[in-house]
């Protein structure tokens, strides 16, 4: 019976059997084995090997949040837009002139025809 072997980043490497799993475990290449309650192996995950690049995570694509919760003096909360320039604490000019064309291009690209 075969089961999936995953790379450290979650991508499917190949399908292996118990003999291959034993050989990989003896070599110290397996970091995790997932088993069912009765002991049947469901999947295995390899260690990250030296020299391999860091996996691409979702947070790499998310970037900076454009708004955040701000507490007001009376205890209420509201959302405040984050400044787009180099100074994140900028109070009045949320979109400085040097980044305004980039911001407008993104807005226009997101709009439906």
PDB file of N, CA and C in Angstrom:
ATOM      1  N   UNK A   1       0.843  -1.182   0.000  1.00  0.00           N
ATOM      2  CA  UNK A   1       0.000   0.000   0.000  1.00  0.00           C
ATOM      3  C   UNK A   1       0.883   1.239   0.000  1.00  0.00           C
ATOM      4  N   UNK A   2       0.563   2.207  -0.850  1.00  0.00           N
ATOM      5  CA  UNK A   2       1.355   3.428  -0.944  1.00  0.00           C
ATOM      6  C   UNK A   2       0.623   4.600  -0.308  1.00  0.00           C
ATOM      7  N   UNK A   3       1.378   5.611   0.048  1.00  0.00           N
ATOM      8  CA  UNK A   3       0.840   6.832   0.647  1.00  0.00           C
ATOM      9  C   UNK A   3       1.714   7.993   0.189  1.00  0.00           C
ATOM     10  N   UNK A   4       1.197   9.232   0.282  1.00  0.00           N
ATOM     11  CA  UNK A   4       1.952  10.378  -0.237  1.00  0.00           C
ATOM     12  C   UNK A   4       3.100  10.797   0.676  1.00  0.00           C
ATOM     13  N   UNK A   5       4.175  11.222   0.034  1.00  0.00           N
ATOM     14  CA  UNK A   5       5.327  11.802   0.711  1.00  0.00           C
ATOM     15  C   UNK A   5       5.384  13.264   0.284  1.00  0.00           C
ATOM     16  N   UNK A   6       5.345  14.170   1.261  1.00  0.00           N
ATOM     17  CA  UNK A   6       5.331  15.599   0.986  1.00  0.00           C
ATOM     18  C   UNK A   6       6.677  16.225   1.307  1.00  0.00           C
ATOM     19  N   UNK A   7       7.027  17.267   0.547  1.00  0.00           N
ATOM     20  CA  UNK A   7       8.216  18.057   0.851  1.00  0.00           C
ATOM     21  C   UNK A   7       7.919  18.909   2.083  1.00  0.00           C
ATOM     22  N   UNK A   8       8.923  19.554   2.617  1.00  0.00           N
ATOM     23  CA  UNK A   8       8.755  20.382   3.818  1.00  0.00           C
ATOM     24  C   UNK A   8       7.788  21.533   3.585  1.00  0.00           C
ATOM     25  N   UNK A   9       7.638  21.986   2.330  1.00  0.00           N
ATOM     26  CA  UNK A   9       6.758  23.115   2.033  1.00  0.00           C
ATOM     27  C   UNK A   9       5.328  22.700   1.733  1.00  0.00           C
ATOM     28  N   UNK A  10       5.024  21.411   1.808  1.00  0.00           N
ATOM     29  CA  UNK A  10       3.665  20.933   1.608  1.00  0.00           C
ATOM     30  C   UNK A  10       3.363  20.448   0.207  1.00  0.00           C
ATOM     31  N   UNK A  11       4.313  20.541  -0.707  1.00  0.00           N
ATOM     32  CA  UNK A  11       4.077  20.055  -2.067  1.00  0.00           C
ATOM     33  C   UNK A  11       4.308  18.545  -2.118  1.00  0.00           C
ATOM     34  N   UNK A  12       3.557  17.876  -2.958  1.00  0.00           N
ATOM     35  CA  UNK A  12       3.641  16.429  -3.088  1.00  0.00           C
ATOM     36  C   UNK A  12       4.936  16.055  -3.786  1.00  0.00           C
ATOM     37  N   UNK A  13       5.739  15.222  -3.137  1.00  0.00           N
ATOM     38  CA  UNK A  13       7.001  14.780  -3.731  1.00  0.00           C
ATOM     39  C   UNK A  13       6.782  13.514  -4.551  1.00  0.00           C
ATOM     40  N   UNK A  14       6.166  12.489  -3.935  1.00  0.00           N
ATOM     41  CA  UNK A  14       5.912  11.233  -4.626  1.00  0.00           C
ATOM     42  C   UNK A  14       5.054  10.340  -3.738  1.00  0.00           C
ATOM     43  N   UNK A  15       4.763   9.161  -4.233  1.00  0.00           N
ATOM     44  CA  UNK A  15       4.041   8.150  -3.466  1.00  0.00           C
ATOM     45  C   UNK A  15       5.037   7.064  -3.094  1.00  0.00           C
ATOM     46  N   UNK A  16       5.061   6.672  -1.823  1.00  0.00           N
ATOM     47  CA  UNK A  16       6.016   5.668  -1.351  1.00  0.00           C
ATOM     48  C   UNK A  16       5.283   4.559  -0.613  1.00  0.00           C
ATOM     49  N   UNK A  17       5.999   3.478  -0.346  1.00  0.00           N
ATOM     50  CA  UNK A  17       5.434   2.386   0.450  1.00  0.00           C
ATOM     51  C   UNK A  17       6.174   2.319   1.789  1.00  0.00           C
ATOM     52  N   UNK A  18       5.828   1.340   2.614  1.00  0.00           N
ATOM     53  CA  UNK A  18       6.397   1.238   3.964  1.00  0.00           C
ATOM     54  C   UNK A  18       7.904   0.967   3.933  1.00  0.00           C
ATOM     55  N   UNK A  19       8.371   0.221   2.943  1.00  0.00           N
ATOM     56  CA  UNK A  19       9.800  -0.075   2.838  1.00  0.00           C
ATOM     57  C   UNK A  19      10.587   1.213   2.575  1.00  0.00           C
ATOM     58  N   UNK A  20      10.070   2.068   1.682  1.00  0.00           N
ATOM     59  CA  UNK A  20      10.729   3.344   1.403  1.00  0.00           C
ATOM     60  C   UNK A  20      10.689   4.262   2.620  1.00  0.00           C
ATOM     61  N   UNK A  21       9.562   4.262   3.333  1.00  0.00           N
ATOM     62  CA  UNK A  21       9.437   5.093   4.534  1.00  0.00           C
ATOM     63  C   UNK A  21      10.470   4.688   5.580  1.00  0.00           C
ATOM     64  N   UNK A  22      10.644   3.402   5.773  1.00  0.00           N
ATOM     65  CA  UNK A  22      11.614   2.900   6.756  1.00  0.00           C
ATOM     66  C   UNK A  22      13.021   3.361   6.382  1.00  0.00           C
ATOM     67  N   UNK A  23      13.364   3.275   5.090  1.00  0.00           N
ATOM     68  CA  UNK A  23      14.684   3.684   4.634  1.00  0.00           C
ATOM     69  C   UNK A  23      14.895   5.185   4.844  1.00  0.00           C
ATOM     70  N   UNK A  24      13.872   5.993   4.554  1.00  0.00           N
ATOM     71  CA  UNK A  24      13.980   7.441   4.758  1.00  0.00           C
ATOM     72  C   UNK A  24      14.075   7.797   6.242  1.00  0.00           C
ATOM     73  N   UNK A  25      13.318   7.095   7.083  1.00  0.00           N
ATOM     74  CA  UNK A  25      13.392   7.341   8.538  1.00  0.00           C
ATOM     75  C   UNK A  25      14.760   6.970   9.082  1.00  0.00           C
ATOM     76  N   UNK A  26      15.327   5.879   8.612  1.00  0.00           N
ATOM     77  CA  UNK A  26      16.662   5.472   9.064  1.00  0.00           C
ATOM     78  C   UNK A  26      17.718   6.501   8.663  1.00  0.00           C
ATOM     79  N   UNK A  27      17.494   7.175   7.551  1.00  0.00           N
ATOM     80  CA  UNK A  27      18.425   8.206   7.095  1.00  0.00           C
ATOM     81  C   UNK A  27      18.191   9.562   7.740  1.00  0.00           C
ATOM     82  N   UNK A  28      17.138   9.676   8.564  1.00  0.00           N
ATOM     83  CA  UNK A  28      16.847  10.925   9.254  1.00  0.00           C
ATOM     84  C   UNK A  28      16.231  11.989   8.364  1.00  0.00           C
ATOM     85  N   UNK A  29      15.559  11.576   7.303  1.00  0.00           N
ATOM     86  CA  UNK A  29      14.990  12.538   6.358  1.00  0.00           C
ATOM     87  C   UNK A  29      13.527  12.859   6.617  1.00  0.00           C
ATOM     88  N   UNK A  30      12.864  12.086   7.459  1.00  0.00           N
ATOM     89  CA  UNK A  30      11.434  12.277   7.721  1.00  0.00           C
ATOM     90  C   UNK A  30      11.257  13.096   8.989  1.00  0.00           C
ATOM     91  N   UNK A  31      10.442  14.163   8.901  1.00  0.00           N
ATOM     92  CA  UNK A  31      10.198  14.969  10.099  1.00  0.00           C
ATOM     93  C   UNK A  31       8.859  14.628  10.746  1.00  0.00           C
ATOM     94  N   UNK A  32       7.898  14.094   9.956  1.00  0.00           N
ATOM     95  CA  UNK A  32       6.587  13.796  10.544  1.00  0.00           C
ATOM     96  C   UNK A  32       5.907  12.682   9.762  1.00  0.00           C
ATOM     97  N   UNK A  33       5.285  11.778  10.511  1.00  0.00           N
ATOM     98  CA  UNK A  33       4.485  10.703   9.922  1.00  0.00           C
ATOM     99  C   UNK A  33       3.100  10.789  10.550  1.00  0.00           C
ATOM    100  N   UNK A  34       2.069  10.864   9.715  1.00  0.00           N
ATOM    101  CA  UNK A  34       0.691  10.938  10.191  1.00  0.00           C
ATOM    102  C   UNK A  34       0.072   9.558  10.038  1.00  0.00           C
ATOM    103  N   UNK A  35      -0.520   9.066  11.144  1.00  0.00           N
ATOM    104  CA  UNK A  35      -1.116   7.734  11.138  1.00  0.00           C
ATOM    105  C   UNK A  35      -2.574   7.804  11.571  1.00  0.00           C
ATOM    106  N   UNK A  36      -3.354   6.845  11.128  1.00  0.00           N
ATOM    107  CA  UNK A  36      -4.741   6.686  11.572  1.00  0.00           C
ATOM    108  C   UNK A  36      -4.744   6.087  12.974  1.00  0.00           C
ATOM    109  N   UNK A  37      -5.908   6.007  13.568  1.00  0.00           N
ATOM    110  CA  UNK A  37      -6.033   5.476  14.931  1.00  0.00           C
ATOM    111  C   UNK A  37      -5.550   4.031  15.026  1.00  0.00           C
ATOM    112  N   UNK A  38      -5.726   3.264  13.955  1.00  0.00           N
ATOM    113  CA  UNK A  38      -5.307   1.860  13.968  1.00  0.00           C
ATOM    114  C   UNK A  38      -3.852   1.673  13.553  1.00  0.00           C
ATOM    115  N   UNK A  39      -3.142   2.758  13.293  1.00  0.00           N
ATOM    116  CA  UNK A  39      -1.718   2.667  12.997  1.00  0.00           C
ATOM    117  C   UNK A  39      -1.363   2.711  11.519  1.00  0.00           C
ATOM    118  N   UNK A  40      -2.338   2.818  10.632  1.00  0.00           N
ATOM    119  CA  UNK A  40      -2.055   2.865   9.204  1.00  0.00           C
ATOM    120  C   UNK A  40      -1.490   4.243   8.855  1.00  0.00           C
ATOM    121  N   UNK A  41      -0.387   4.271   8.116  1.00  0.00           N
ATOM    122  CA  UNK A  41       0.260   5.523   7.727  1.00  0.00           C
ATOM    123  C   UNK A  41      -0.573   6.212   6.651  1.00  0.00           C
ATOM    124  N   UNK A  42      -0.842   7.496   6.857  1.00  0.00           N
ATOM    125  CA  UNK A  42      -1.633   8.281   5.915  1.00  0.00           C
ATOM    126  C   UNK A  42      -0.723   9.119   5.017  1.00  0.00           C
ATOM    127  N   UNK A  43       0.288   9.765   5.616  1.00  0.00           N
ATOM    128  CA  UNK A  43       1.233  10.579   4.850  1.00  0.00           C
ATOM    129  C   UNK A  43       2.492  10.809   5.671  1.00  0.00           C
ATOM    130  N   UNK A  44       3.553  11.219   4.978  1.00  0.00           N
ATOM    131  CA  UNK A  44       4.826  11.536   5.627  1.00  0.00           C
ATOM    132  C   UNK A  44       5.353  12.838   5.042  1.00  0.00           C
ATOM    133  N   UNK A  45       6.136  13.555   5.851  1.00  0.00           N
ATOM    134  CA  UNK A  45       6.689  14.842   5.433  1.00  0.00           C
ATOM    135  C   UNK A  45       8.198  14.832   5.615  1.00  0.00           C
ATOM    136  N   UNK A  46       8.902  15.326   4.610  1.00  0.00           N
ATOM    137  CA  UNK A  46      10.365  15.387   4.651  1.00  0.00           C
ATOM    138  C   UNK A  46      10.854  16.607   5.432  1.00  0.00           C
ATOM    139  N   UNK A  47      12.058  16.495   5.991  1.00  0.00           N
ATOM    140  CA  UNK A  47      12.738  17.649   6.600  1.00  0.00           C
ATOM    141  C   UNK A  47      13.169  18.610   5.508  1.00  0.00           C
ATOM    142  N   UNK A  48      13.368  19.860   5.882  1.00  0.00           N
ATOM    143  CA  UNK A  48      13.967  20.831   4.965  1.00  0.00           C
ATOM    144  C   UNK A  48      15.455  20.538   4.904  1.00  0.00           C
ATOM    145  N   UNK A  49      15.968  20.372   3.713  1.00  0.00           N
ATOM    146  CA  UNK A  49      17.370  20.024   3.545  1.00  0.00           C
ATOM    147  C   UNK A  49      18.219  21.292   3.460  1.00  0.00           C
ATOM    148  N   UNK A  50      19.484  21.229   3.879  1.00  0.00           N
ATOM    149  CA  UNK A  50      20.358  22.401   3.799  1.00  0.00           C
ATOM    150  C   UNK A  50      20.476  22.897   2.355  1.00  0.00           C
ATOM    151  N   UNK A  51      20.368  24.197   2.179  1.00  0.00           N
ATOM    152  CA  UNK A  51      20.478  24.780   0.846  1.00  0.00           C
ATOM    153  C   UNK A  51      19.155  24.947   0.131  1.00  0.00           C
ATOM    154  N   UNK A  52      18.083  24.339   0.633  1.00  0.00           N
ATOM    155  CA  UNK A  52      16.786  24.502  -0.003  1.00  0.00           C
ATOM    156  C   UNK A  52      16.206  25.860   0.382  1.00  0.00           C
ATOM    157  N   UNK A  53      15.513  26.463  -0.551  1.00  0.00           N
ATOM    158  CA  UNK A  53      14.930  27.777  -0.313  1.00  0.00           C
ATOM    159  C   UNK A  53      13.776  27.679   0.675  1.00  0.00           C
ATOM    160  N   UNK A  54      13.488  28.799   1.324  1.00  0.00           N
ATOM    161  CA  UNK A  54      12.359  28.867   2.244  1.00  0.00           C
ATOM    162  C   UNK A  54      11.067  28.706   1.445  1.00  0.00           C
ATOM    163  N   UNK A  55      10.081  27.996   1.988  1.00  0.00           N
ATOM    164  CA  UNK A  55       8.827  27.835   1.252  1.00  0.00           C
ATOM    165  C   UNK A  55       8.084  29.160   1.117  1.00  0.00           C
ATOM    166  N   UNK A  56       7.320  29.294   0.043  1.00  0.00           N
ATOM    167  CA  UNK A  56       6.512  30.493  -0.164  1.00  0.00           C
ATOM    168  C   UNK A  56       5.241  30.350   0.655  1.00  0.00           C
ATOM    169  N   UNK A  57       5.014  31.296   1.534  1.00  0.00           N
ATOM    170  CA  UNK A  57       3.861  31.258   2.416  1.00  0.00           C
ATOM    171  C   UNK A  57       2.818  32.272   1.969  1.00  0.00           C
ATOM    172  N   UNK A  58       1.608  32.103   2.458  1.00  0.00           N
ATOM    173  CA  UNK A  58       0.526  33.022   2.118  1.00  0.00           C
ATOM    174  C   UNK A  58       0.853  34.437   2.561  1.00  0.00           C
ATOM    175  N   UNK A  59       1.504  34.584   3.711  1.00  0.00           N
ATOM    176  CA  UNK A  59       1.813  35.929   4.204  1.00  0.00           C
ATOM    177  C   UNK A  59       2.769  36.679   3.268  1.00  0.00           C
ATOM    178  N   UNK A  60       3.503  35.966   2.394  1.00  0.00           N
ATOM    179  CA  UNK A  60       4.364  36.629   1.428  1.00  0.00           C
ATOM    180  C   UNK A  60       3.543  37.398   0.395  1.00  0.00           C
ATOM    181  N   UNK A  61       2.321  36.951   0.131  1.00  0.00           N
ATOM    182  CA  UNK A  61       1.468  37.596  -0.856  1.00  0.00           C
ATOM    183  C   UNK A  61       0.537  38.630  -0.235  1.00  0.00           C
ATOM    184  N   UNK A  62       0.264  38.522   1.054  1.00  0.00           N
ATOM    185  CA  UNK A  62      -0.710  39.390   1.696  1.00  0.00           C
ATOM    186  C   UNK A  62      -0.195  40.818   1.784  1.00  0.00           C
ATOM    187  N   UNK A  63       1.042  41.006   2.159  1.00  0.00           N
ATOM    188  CA  UNK A  63       1.609  42.351   2.255  1.00  0.00           C
ATOM    189  C   UNK A  63       1.101  43.098   3.473  1.00  0.00           C
ATOM    190  N   UNK A  64       1.107  44.411   3.399  1.00  0.00           N
ATOM    191  CA  UNK A  64       0.698  45.255   4.509  1.00  0.00           C
ATOM    192  C   UNK A  64      -0.804  45.460   4.483  1.00  0.00           C
ATOM    193  N   UNK A  65      -1.415  45.455   5.637  1.00  0.00           N
ATOM    194  CA  UNK A  65      -2.840  45.769   5.715  1.00  0.00           C
ATOM    195  C   UNK A  65      -3.027  47.249   5.456  1.00  0.00           C
ATOM    196  N   UNK A  66      -4.099  47.581   4.757  1.00  0.00           N
ATOM    197  CA  UNK A  66      -4.337  48.971   4.403  1.00  0.00           C
ATOM    198  C   UNK A  66      -5.182  49.709   5.433  1.00  0.00           C
ATOM    199  N   UNK A  67      -5.735  48.993   6.391  1.00  0.00           N
ATOM    200  CA  UNK A  67      -6.496  49.651   7.438  1.00  0.00           C
ATOM    201  C   UNK A  67      -6.258  48.918   8.757  1.00  0.00           C
ATOM    202  N   UNK A  68      -6.536  49.585   9.843  1.00  0.00           N
ATOM    203  CA  UNK A  68      -6.383  48.974  11.159  1.00  0.00           C
ATOM    204  C   UNK A  68      -7.393  49.606  12.110  1.00  0.00           C
ATOM    205  N   UNK A  69      -7.678  48.908  13.203  1.00  0.00           N
ATOM    206  CA  UNK A  69      -8.612  49.443  14.192  1.00  0.00           C
ATOM    207  C   UNK A  69      -7.923  50.524  15.015  1.00  0.00           C
ATOM    208  N   UNK A  70      -8.650  51.603  15.212  1.00  0.00           N
ATOM    209  CA  UNK A  70      -8.129  52.705  16.004  1.00  0.00           C
ATOM    210  C   UNK A  70      -9.091  52.970  17.149  1.00  0.00           C
ATOM    211  N   UNK A  71      -8.572  53.047  18.365  1.00  0.00           N
ATOM    212  CA  UNK A  71      -9.400  53.361  19.529  1.00  0.00           C
ATOM    213  C   UNK A  71      -9.530  54.868  19.660  1.00  0.00           C
ATOM    214  N   UNK A  72     -10.758  55.332  19.811  1.00  0.00           N
ATOM    215  CA  UNK A  72     -11.000  56.760  19.988  1.00  0.00           C
ATOM    216  C   UNK A  72     -10.995  57.100  21.470  1.00  0.00           C
ATOM    217  N   UNK A  73     -10.916  58.389  21.781  1.00  0.00           N
ATOM    218  CA  UNK A  73     -10.835  58.842  23.171  1.00  0.00           C
ATOM    219  C   UNK A  73     -12.081  58.467  23.972  1.00  0.00           C
ATOM    220  N   UNK A  74     -13.246  58.397  23.312  1.00  0.00           N
ATOM    221  CA  UNK A  74     -14.474  58.074  24.038  1.00  0.00           C
ATOM    222  C   UNK A  74     -14.696  56.565  24.195  1.00  0.00           C
ATOM    223  N   UNK A  75     -13.728  55.738  23.753  1.00  0.00           N
ATOM    224  CA  UNK A  75     -13.840  54.289  23.925  1.00  0.00           C
ATOM    225  C   UNK A  75     -14.328  53.546  22.700  1.00  0.00           C
ATOM    226  N   UNK A  76     -14.876  54.253  21.730  1.00  0.00           N
ATOM    227  CA  UNK A  76     -15.334  53.610  20.506  1.00  0.00           C
ATOM    228  C   UNK A  76     -14.150  53.213  19.630  1.00  0.00           C
ATOM    229  N   UNK A  77     -14.419  52.329  18.677  1.00  0.00           N
ATOM    230  CA  UNK A  77     -13.386  51.932  17.733  1.00  0.00           C
ATOM    231  C   UNK A  77     -13.849  52.246  16.316  1.00  0.00           C
ATOM    232  N   UNK A  78     -12.894  52.565  15.474  1.00  0.00           N
ATOM    233  CA  UNK A  78     -13.190  52.773  14.053  1.00  0.00           C
ATOM    234  C   UNK A  78     -12.004  52.251  13.260  1.00  0.00           C
ATOM    235  N   UNK A  79     -12.171  52.149  11.955  1.00  0.00           N
ATOM    236  CA  UNK A  79     -11.063  51.744  11.097  1.00  0.00           C
ATOM    237  C   UNK A  79     -10.379  52.988  10.550  1.00  0.00           C
ATOM    238  N   UNK A  80      -9.062  52.966  10.558  1.00  0.00           N
ATOM    239  CA  UNK A  80      -8.274  54.073  10.031  1.00  0.00           C
ATOM    240  C   UNK A  80      -7.445  53.530   8.890  1.00  0.00           C
ATOM    241  N   UNK A  81      -7.309  54.300   7.813  1.00  0.00           N
ATOM    242  CA  UNK A  81      -6.482  53.892   6.690  1.00  0.00           C
ATOM    243  C   UNK A  81      -5.013  54.065   7.040  1.00  0.00           C
ATOM    244  N   UNK A  82      -4.217  53.118   6.617  1.00  0.00           N
ATOM    245  CA  UNK A  82      -2.774  53.185   6.834  1.00  0.00           C
ATOM    246  C   UNK A  82      -2.158  54.046   5.727  1.00  0.00           C
ATOM    247  N   UNK A  83      -1.182  54.852   6.077  1.00  0.00           N
ATOM    248  CA  UNK A  83      -0.523  55.710   5.093  1.00  0.00           C
ATOM    249  C   UNK A  83       0.250  54.858   4.092  1.00  0.00           C
ATOM    250  N   UNK A  84       0.309  55.289   2.840  1.00  0.00           N
ATOM    251  CA  UNK A  84       0.985  54.536   1.792  1.00  0.00           C
ATOM    252  C   UNK A  84       2.442  54.947   1.612  1.00  0.00           C
ATOM    253  N   UNK A  85       2.862  56.042   2.179  1.00  0.00           N
ATOM    254  CA  UNK A  85       4.225  56.531   1.996  1.00  0.00           C
ATOM    255  C   UNK A  85       5.222  55.836   2.899  1.00  0.00           C
ATOM    256  N   UNK A  86       6.406  56.435   3.005  1.00  0.00           N
ATOM    257  CA  UNK A  86       7.473  55.881   3.830  1.00  0.00           C
ATOM    258  C   UNK A  86       7.192  56.033   5.320  1.00  0.00           C
ATOM    259  N   UNK A  87       6.376  57.014   5.687  1.00  0.00           N
ATOM    260  CA  UNK A  87       6.084  57.275   7.089  1.00  0.00           C
ATOM    261  C   UNK A  87       4.722  56.677   7.445  1.00  0.00           C
ATOM    262  N   UNK A  88       4.673  55.509   8.117  1.00  0.00           N
ATOM    263  CA  UNK A  88       3.392  54.881   8.422  1.00  0.00           C
ATOM    264  C   UNK A  88       2.554  55.650   9.428  1.00  0.00           C
ATOM    265  N   UNK A  89       3.142  56.599  10.153  1.00  0.00           N
ATOM    266  CA  UNK A  89       2.418  57.370  11.155  1.00  0.00           C
ATOM    267  C   UNK A  89       1.898  58.690  10.590  1.00  0.00           C
ATOM    268  N   UNK A  90       2.020  58.856   9.302  1.00  0.00           N
ATOM    269  CA  UNK A  90       1.603  60.095   8.660  1.00  0.00           C
ATOM    270  C   UNK A  90       0.124  60.346   8.912  1.00  0.00           C
ATOM    271  N   UNK A  91      -0.218  61.526   9.344  1.00  0.00           N
ATOM    272  CA  UNK A  91      -1.584  61.823   9.770  1.00  0.00           C
ATOM    273  C   UNK A  91      -2.485  62.337   8.661  1.00  0.00           C
ATOM    274  N   UNK A  92      -2.014  63.308   7.882  1.00  0.00           N
ATOM    275  CA  UNK A  92      -2.917  63.995   6.968  1.00  0.00           C
ATOM    276  C   UNK A  92      -2.817  63.530   5.521  1.00  0.00           C
ATOM    277  N   UNK A  93      -1.640  63.212   5.063  1.00  0.00           N
ATOM    278  CA  UNK A  93      -1.436  62.862   3.667  1.00  0.00           C
ATOM    279  C   UNK A  93      -1.321  61.339   3.539  1.00  0.00           C
ATOM    280  N   UNK A  94      -2.456  60.644   3.404  1.00  0.00           N
ATOM    281  CA  UNK A  94      -2.437  59.181   3.362  1.00  0.00           C
ATOM    282  C   UNK A  94      -1.825  58.642   2.081  1.00  0.00           C
ATOM    283  N   UNK A  95      -1.939  59.365   0.987  1.00  0.00           N
ATOM    284  CA  UNK A  95      -1.351  58.942  -0.285  1.00  0.00           C
ATOM    285  C   UNK A  95      -0.466  60.065  -0.821  1.00  0.00           C
ATOM    286  N   UNK A  96       0.826  60.070  -0.470  1.00  0.00           N
ATOM    287  CA  UNK A  96       1.730  61.124  -0.951  1.00  0.00           C
ATOM    288  C   UNK A  96       1.800  61.129  -2.479  1.00  0.00           C
ATOM    289  N   UNK A  97       2.228  62.233  -3.036  1.00  0.00           N
ATOM    290  CA  UNK A  97       2.231  62.393  -4.488  1.00  0.00           C
ATOM    291  C   UNK A  97       3.095  61.367  -5.207  1.00  0.00           C
ATOM    292  N   UNK A  98       4.167  60.884  -4.582  1.00  0.00           N
ATOM    293  CA  UNK A  98       5.042  59.921  -5.265  1.00  0.00           C
ATOM    294  C   UNK A  98       4.417  58.529  -5.397  1.00  0.00           C
ATOM    295  N   UNK A  99       3.458  58.185  -4.549  1.00  0.00           N
ATOM    296  CA  UNK A  99       2.823  56.861  -4.649  1.00  0.00           C
ATOM    297  C   UNK A  99       1.394  56.933  -5.170  1.00  0.00           C
ATOM    298  N   UNK A 100       0.870  58.125  -5.372  1.00  0.00           N
ATOM    299  CA  UNK A 100      -0.516  58.270  -5.823  1.00  0.00           C
ATOM    300  C   UNK A 100      -0.772  57.611  -7.183  1.00  0.00           C
ATOM    301  N   UNK A 101       0.111  57.724  -8.204  1.00  0.00           N
ATOM    302  CA  UNK A 101      -0.145  57.048  -9.483  1.00  0.00           C
ATOM    303  C   UNK A 101      -0.196  55.520  -9.346  1.00  0.00           C
ATOM    304  N   UNK A 102       0.638  54.966  -8.499  1.00  0.00           N
ATOM    305  CA  UNK A 102       0.630  53.514  -8.277  1.00  0.00           C
ATOM    306  C   UNK A 102      -0.689  53.096  -7.642  1.00  0.00           C
ATOM    307  N   UNK A 103      -1.121  53.848  -6.639  1.00  0.00           N
ATOM    308  CA  UNK A 103      -2.373  53.549  -5.958  1.00  0.00           C
ATOM    309  C   UNK A 103      -3.553  53.616  -6.929  1.00  0.00           C
ATOM    310  N   UNK A 104      -3.605  54.671  -7.749  1.00  0.00           N
ATOM    311  CA  UNK A 104      -4.701  54.814  -8.707  1.00  0.00           C
ATOM    312  C   UNK A 104      -4.681  53.708  -9.752  1.00  0.00           C
ATOM    313  N   UNK A 105      -3.505  53.248 -10.187  1.00  0.00           N
ATOM    314  CA  UNK A 105      -3.407  52.147 -11.150  1.00  0.00           C
ATOM    315  C   UNK A 105      -3.986  50.871 -10.556  1.00  0.00           C
ATOM    316  N   UNK A 106      -3.679  50.595  -9.298  1.00  0.00           N
ATOM    317  CA  UNK A 106      -4.215  49.397  -8.627  1.00  0.00           C
ATOM    318  C   UNK A 106      -5.728  49.491  -8.522  1.00  0.00           C
ATOM    319  N   UNK A 107      -6.248  50.654  -8.148  1.00  0.00           N
ATOM    320  CA  UNK A 107      -7.699  50.829  -8.033  1.00  0.00           C
ATOM    321  C   UNK A 107      -8.369  50.625  -9.382  1.00  0.00           C
ATOM    322  N   UNK A 108      -7.806  51.214 -10.432  1.00  0.00           N
ATOM    323  CA  UNK A 108      -8.392  51.066 -11.771  1.00  0.00           C
ATOM    324  C   UNK A 108      -8.344  49.620 -12.265  1.00  0.00           C
ATOM    325  N   UNK A 109      -7.261  48.909 -11.955  1.00  0.00           N
ATOM    326  CA  UNK A 109      -7.151  47.497 -12.359  1.00  0.00           C
ATOM    327  C   UNK A 109      -8.158  46.613 -11.640  1.00  0.00           C
ATOM    328  N   UNK A 110      -8.544  47.003 -10.442  1.00  0.00           N
ATOM    329  CA  UNK A 110      -9.480  46.205  -9.651  1.00  0.00           C
ATOM    330  C   UNK A 110     -10.941  46.461 -10.016  1.00  0.00           C
ATOM    331  N   UNK A 111     -11.202  47.561 -10.682  1.00  0.00           N
ATOM    332  CA  UNK A 111     -12.585  47.907 -11.003  1.00  0.00           C
ATOM    333  C   UNK A 111     -13.100  47.029 -12.142  1.00  0.00           C
ATOM    334  N   UNK A 112     -14.357  46.609 -12.032  1.00  0.00           N
ATOM    335  CA  UNK A 112     -14.990  45.814 -13.076  1.00  0.00           C
ATOM    336  C   UNK A 112     -15.349  46.704 -14.256  1.00  0.00           C
ATOM    337  N   UNK A 113     -15.322  46.105 -15.439  1.00  0.00           N
ATOM    338  CA  UNK A 113     -15.655  46.873 -16.656  1.00  0.00           C
ATOM    339  C   UNK A 113     -17.141  47.130 -16.736  1.00  0.00           C
TER     340      UNK A 113
END
